[in-house]
Protein backbone atom coordinates (compact mmCIF):
# COMPACT_ATOMS: atom_id res chain seq x y z
CA UNK A 1 0.00 -0.04 -0.01
CA UNK A 2 1.28 3.44 -0.79
CA UNK A 3 -0.11 6.64 0.62
CA UNK A 4 0.23 10.18 -0.49
CA UNK A 5 -1.69 13.21 0.49
CA UNK A 6 -1.74 16.53 2.09
CA UNK A 7 -3.17 16.82 5.53
CA UNK A 8 -3.16 20.62 5.40
CA UNK A 9 -5.29 22.76 7.69
CA UNK A 10 -7.96 20.99 9.73
CA UNK A 11 -7.97 17.85 11.75
CA UNK A 12 -7.90 14.22 10.70
CA UNK A 13 -11.71 14.19 10.71
CA UNK A 14 -11.56 16.68 7.81
CA UNK A 15 -9.42 14.41 5.65
CA UNK A 16 -10.87 12.39 2.80
CA UNK A 17 -9.49 8.87 2.63
CA UNK A 18 -9.37 7.86 -1.02
CA UNK A 19 -8.61 4.31 -2.13
CA UNK A 20 -7.33 4.25 -5.70
CA UNK A 21 -7.62 0.80 -7.29
CA UNK A 22 -5.37 1.09 -10.31
CA UNK A 23 -3.09 -1.60 -11.80
CA UNK A 24 -0.86 0.85 -13.71
CA UNK A 25 1.94 2.20 -11.46
CA UNK A 26 2.43 5.29 -13.65
CA UNK A 27 -1.24 6.21 -13.47
CA UNK A 28 -1.21 5.61 -9.70
CA UNK A 29 1.73 8.01 -9.37
CA UNK A 30 0.00 10.64 -11.46
CA UNK A 31 -3.22 10.37 -9.46
CA UNK A 32 -1.46 10.68 -6.10
CA UNK A 33 0.75 13.56 -7.21
CA UNK A 34 -2.22 15.46 -8.67
CA UNK A 35 -4.29 15.03 -5.50
CA UNK A 36 -1.26 16.12 -3.37
CA UNK A 37 -0.65 19.14 -5.58
CA UNK A 38 -4.32 20.17 -5.44
CA UNK A 39 -3.90 20.84 -1.71
CA UNK A 40 -7.09 19.01 -0.79
CA UNK A 41 -7.18 17.46 2.65
CA UNK A 42 -6.88 13.91 1.49
CA UNK A 43 -4.87 10.79 1.81
CA UNK A 44 -4.66 8.60 -1.27
CA UNK A 45 -4.05 4.92 -0.63
CA UNK A 46 -3.32 2.79 -3.70
CA UNK A 47 -3.72 -0.90 -4.41
CA UNK A 48 -3.17 -2.57 -7.77
CA UNK A 49 -5.84 -5.23 -7.89
CA UNK A 50 -9.31 -6.24 -6.73
CA UNK A 51 -8.19 -8.72 -4.08
CA UNK A 52 -6.11 -6.11 -2.29
CA UNK A 53 -8.97 -3.60 -2.58
CA UNK A 54 -11.29 -6.02 -0.84
CA UNK A 55 -8.73 -6.65 1.88
CA UNK A 56 -8.29 -2.92 2.29
CA UNK A 57 -12.00 -2.04 2.61
CA UNK A 58 -12.62 -5.10 4.80
CA UNK A 59 -9.54 -4.29 6.90
CA UNK A 60 -8.09 -7.78 6.56
CA UNK A 61 -4.56 -9.11 6.09
CA UNK A 62 -1.95 -6.42 5.58
CA UNK A 63 -4.68 -3.79 5.81
CA UNK A 64 -6.17 -4.55 9.27
CA UNK A 65 -5.11 -1.07 10.42
CA UNK A 66 -6.19 0.69 7.22
CA UNK A 67 -8.78 3.45 7.46
CA UNK A 68 -12.20 2.89 5.93
CA UNK A 69 -12.07 4.80 2.63
CA UNK A 70 -14.56 7.58 2.04
CA UNK A 71 -14.25 7.19 -1.72
CA UNK A 72 -12.96 4.40 -3.95
CA UNK A 73 -11.64 5.37 -7.37
CA UNK A 74 -12.01 2.13 -9.33
CA UNK A 75 -10.39 1.18 -12.61
CA UNK A 76 -12.69 -1.57 -13.94
CA UNK A 77 -9.95 -3.43 -15.82
CA UNK A 78 -8.08 -5.15 -13.06
CA UNK A 79 -6.03 -8.37 -12.89
CA UNK A 80 -7.67 -11.17 -10.90
CA UNK A 81 -10.87 -9.92 -9.32
CA UNK A 82 -12.25 -7.52 -11.89
CA UNK A 83 -13.55 -4.07 -11.17
CA UNK A 84 -17.06 -5.29 -11.86
CA UNK A 85 -16.67 -8.14 -9.38
CA UNK A 86 -15.26 -5.74 -6.79
CA UNK A 87 -18.12 -3.24 -7.34
CA UNK A 88 -20.64 -6.04 -6.99
CA UNK A 89 -19.00 -7.21 -3.76
CA UNK A 90 -19.05 -3.74 -2.36
CA UNK A 91 -22.69 -3.07 -3.25
CA UNK A 92 -23.91 -6.49 -2.05
CA UNK A 93 -22.09 -6.53 1.31
CA UNK A 94 -24.09 -4.50 3.86
CA UNK A 95 -20.98 -3.53 5.83
CA UNK A 96 -19.36 -2.12 2.69
CA UNK A 97 -22.39 -0.75 0.83
CA UNK A 98 -21.98 2.79 2.19
CA UNK A 99 -18.44 3.21 0.67
CA UNK A 100 -18.78 5.61 -2.26
CA UNK A 101 -17.42 4.25 -5.52
CA UNK A 102 -16.36 6.26 -8.53
CA UNK A 103 -15.76 4.11 -11.59
CA UNK A 104 -13.01 5.44 -13.89
CA UNK A 105 -14.07 5.01 -17.49
CA UNK A 106 -12.17 5.56 -20.70
CA UNK A 107 -15.31 6.50 -22.58
CA UNK A 108 -19.11 6.55 -22.41
CA UNK A 109 -18.93 2.98 -23.73
CA UNK A 110 -16.96 2.00 -20.58
CA UNK A 111 -19.78 3.37 -18.39
CA UNK A 112 -22.37 1.47 -20.46
CA UNK A 113 -20.34 -1.77 -20.05
CA UNK A 114 -20.26 -1.39 -16.24
CA UNK A 115 -23.95 -0.57 -16.09
CA UNK A 116 -24.75 -3.54 -18.38
CA UNK A 117 -23.66 -5.84 -15.57
CA UNK A 118 -26.59 -4.52 -13.50
CA UNK A 119 -24.29 -2.85 -10.99
CA UNK A 120 -24.46 0.89 -10.26
CA UNK A 121 -21.51 2.89 -9.02
CA UNK A 122 -22.12 6.18 -7.19
CA UNK A 123 -20.43 8.12 -10.00
CA UNK A 124 -18.68 7.55 -13.32
CA UNK A 125 -15.79 9.83 -14.32
CA UNK A 126 -13.65 9.80 -17.43
CA UNK A 127 -10.14 8.64 -16.60
CA UNK A 128 -7.74 11.54 -17.16
CA UNK A 129 -4.86 11.28 -19.60
CA UNK A 130 -3.32 14.74 -19.87
CA UNK A 131 -2.14 17.00 -17.05
CA UNK A 132 -5.07 19.31 -17.56
CA UNK A 133 -7.49 16.37 -17.43
CA UNK A 134 -5.92 15.20 -14.11
CA UNK A 135 -6.47 18.62 -12.64
CA UNK A 136 -10.07 18.69 -13.84
CA UNK A 137 -10.53 15.17 -12.48
CA UNK A 138 -9.43 16.25 -9.03
CA UNK A 139 -11.99 19.08 -9.16
CA UNK A 140 -14.72 16.61 -10.15
CA UNK A 141 -13.84 14.29 -7.27
CA UNK A 142 -13.86 17.22 -4.90
CA UNK A 143 -17.30 18.34 -6.15
CA UNK A 144 -18.57 14.76 -5.81
CA UNK A 145 -17.29 14.58 -2.24
CA UNK A 146 -18.84 17.87 -1.24
CA UNK A 147 -22.14 16.77 -2.80
CA UNK A 148 -21.99 13.61 -0.66
CA UNK A 149 -21.19 15.52 2.55
CA UNK A 150 -23.95 18.05 1.83
CA UNK A 151 -26.49 15.27 1.15
CA UNK A 152 -25.48 13.29 4.27
CA UNK A 153 -25.66 16.47 6.44
CA UNK A 154 -29.27 17.08 5.33
CA UNK A 155 -30.40 13.47 5.96
């Protein structure tokens, strides 16, 4: 597990724990650097496959002391346990159902493929490629998070 983030102003309760499930080490590095540079109060934890992601969110094995993620950024094309299998597990397990999942798609077709499996993520965002897209992606995740917090505060 690798972590990166910026716990700037505010306490630990203000931090967003993000679990990035991404098999490509280069993309993982770009995600974590972009989130760090955005100066959001977040900690990005990365795992490279579905099995480790399940262990992380279930706090088993090497991840028994891991925090419960607030948001999972999920690449659907994973080795071993696929992103769709992981999403299904998260949505069908009552103890994990409240973890917010953002599926990273390469196109509208990618979103349609995930939805065709009868599984709904909380959000679908296009996976960034360029530096400008990574910056925009961080803004979209931030907006998604604030929408969640605002919705939960009014419940």
